[in-house]
Amino acid sequence: MKRSDSRLHMSWKPNPSSDLPLYRQIEAYVRQKITTGEWSAGYRLPSQRTWAESMGVNRSTLVTALDNLAAVGLLEGRHGGELIFPAPVGMAWLTEQRHPNGMKP
């Protein structure tokens, strides 16, 4: 498995002036990284605290986004709070907006 990459603590930050909630912006960003192949199966994310600080958001905002992504199978939690991307899934699944109950927004 790959370790978290310092490039993940990049300069991207959600736009607080956007009509889209911060957690949705984070979800879209992570989906985009997965669909472009920048982040692939087995890629480890940094700690939630570190990542939230680098984006300038409250940790609970990041947790909401990550929980939503985990609910649709885009992230997996591991022992010790580690988050990784599971085995690849179909691209159609990655690009659709889904809720945990399977309904679209």
Protein backbone atom coordinates (compact mmCIF):
# COMPACT_ATOMS: atom_id res chain seq x y z
CA MET A 1 0.00 0.00 0.00
CA LYS A 2 1.11 3.52 -0.68
CA ARG A 3 1.66 5.88 2.20
CA SER A 4 -0.06 9.23 2.30
CA ASP A 5 1.68 11.66 0.00
CA SER A 6 2.72 15.12 1.14
CA ARG A 7 1.30 16.44 -2.14
CA LEU A 8 -2.12 15.58 -0.70
CA HIS A 9 -1.63 18.52 1.66
CA MET A 10 -1.89 20.70 -1.39
CA SER A 11 -3.14 24.18 -1.87
CA TRP A 12 -6.68 23.19 -2.91
CA LYS A 13 -9.31 24.47 -0.53
CA PRO A 14 -13.09 24.51 -0.76
CA ASN A 15 -14.62 27.89 -1.62
CA PRO A 16 -16.59 29.24 1.36
CA SER A 17 -18.37 31.72 -0.97
CA SER A 18 -19.81 28.92 -3.12
CA ASP A 19 -23.48 27.96 -2.96
CA LEU A 20 -22.32 24.34 -2.69
CA PRO A 21 -21.72 23.30 0.94
CA LEU A 22 -18.08 22.78 1.90
CA TYR A 23 -18.52 19.07 2.51
CA ARG A 24 -20.02 18.63 -0.99
CA GLN A 25 -17.07 20.51 -2.51
CA ILE A 26 -14.71 18.13 -0.71
CA GLU A 27 -16.69 15.12 -1.93
CA ALA A 28 -16.53 16.41 -5.52
CA TYR A 29 -12.80 17.04 -5.20
CA VAL A 30 -12.10 13.52 -3.92
CA ARG A 31 -14.31 11.98 -6.63
CA GLN A 32 -12.42 13.97 -9.27
CA LYS A 33 -9.06 12.74 -7.94
CA ILE A 34 -10.30 9.15 -8.07
CA THR A 35 -11.87 9.36 -11.54
CA THR A 36 -8.76 10.96 -13.04
CA GLY A 37 -6.59 8.24 -11.52
CA GLU A 38 -4.50 10.61 -9.39
CA TRP A 39 -5.61 8.69 -6.31
CA SER A 40 -5.95 4.96 -6.85
CA ALA A 41 -6.81 1.82 -4.92
CA GLY A 42 -4.73 1.46 -1.79
CA TYR A 43 -3.86 5.15 -1.60
CA ARG A 44 -3.80 6.25 2.03
CA LEU A 45 -5.23 9.57 3.06
CA PRO A 46 -3.59 11.73 5.73
CA SER A 47 -5.13 12.05 9.17
CA GLN A 48 -8.44 13.87 9.24
CA ARG A 49 -7.06 16.55 11.52
CA THR A 50 -4.06 17.25 9.27
CA TRP A 51 -6.13 17.22 6.10
CA ALA A 52 -8.86 19.47 7.55
CA GLU A 53 -6.24 21.97 8.72
CA SER A 54 -4.60 22.03 5.29
CA MET A 55 -7.98 22.80 3.68
CA GLY A 56 -8.95 25.37 6.28
CA VAL A 57 -12.14 23.54 7.31
CA ASN A 58 -13.48 22.18 10.54
CA ARG A 59 -12.68 18.50 11.00
CA SER A 60 -16.41 17.71 11.26
CA THR A 61 -16.91 19.14 7.75
CA LEU A 62 -14.26 16.79 6.39
CA VAL A 63 -15.69 13.86 8.36
CA THR A 64 -19.12 14.47 6.81
CA ALA A 65 -17.63 14.37 3.31
CA LEU A 66 -15.56 11.26 4.05
CA ASP A 67 -18.51 9.48 5.68
CA ASN A 68 -20.64 10.17 2.60
CA LEU A 69 -17.91 8.82 0.32
CA ALA A 70 -17.47 5.74 2.52
CA ALA A 71 -21.24 5.13 2.47
CA VAL A 72 -21.13 4.72 -1.31
CA GLY A 73 -17.99 2.57 -1.24
CA LEU A 74 -15.40 5.11 -2.40
CA LEU A 75 -13.43 4.97 0.86
CA GLU A 76 -12.73 2.25 3.39
CA GLY A 77 -11.97 2.76 7.03
CA ARG A 78 -9.22 0.67 8.57
CA HIS A 79 -7.99 0.00 12.08
CA GLY A 80 -6.58 3.13 13.69
CA GLY A 81 -8.75 5.50 11.69
CA GLU A 82 -6.80 5.04 8.47
CA LEU A 83 -8.77 5.68 5.28
CA ILE A 84 -7.86 4.15 1.94
CA PHE A 85 -9.44 3.76 -1.47
CA PRO A 86 -10.76 0.23 -1.99
CA ALA A 87 -10.36 -1.84 -5.14
CA PRO A 88 -11.44 -0.05 -8.32
CA VAL A 89 -15.11 0.18 -9.16
CA GLY A 90 -16.84 1.10 -12.39
CA MET A 91 -16.38 4.69 -13.54
CA ALA A 92 -20.14 5.18 -13.85
CA TRP A 93 -20.48 4.45 -10.15
CA LEU A 94 -17.80 7.01 -9.28
CA THR A 95 -19.34 9.81 -11.28
CA GLU A 96 -22.95 9.39 -10.14
CA GLN A 97 -24.23 11.23 -7.11
CA ARG A 98 -25.71 8.63 -4.75
CA HIS A 99 -27.01 8.59 -1.24
CA PRO A 100 -26.48 5.67 1.14
CA ASN A 101 -30.08 4.54 0.55
CA GLY A 102 -29.45 4.44 -3.21
CA MET A 103 -31.56 7.47 -4.06
CA LYS A 104 -30.22 10.27 -6.18
CA PRO A 105 -30.36 13.84 -4.84
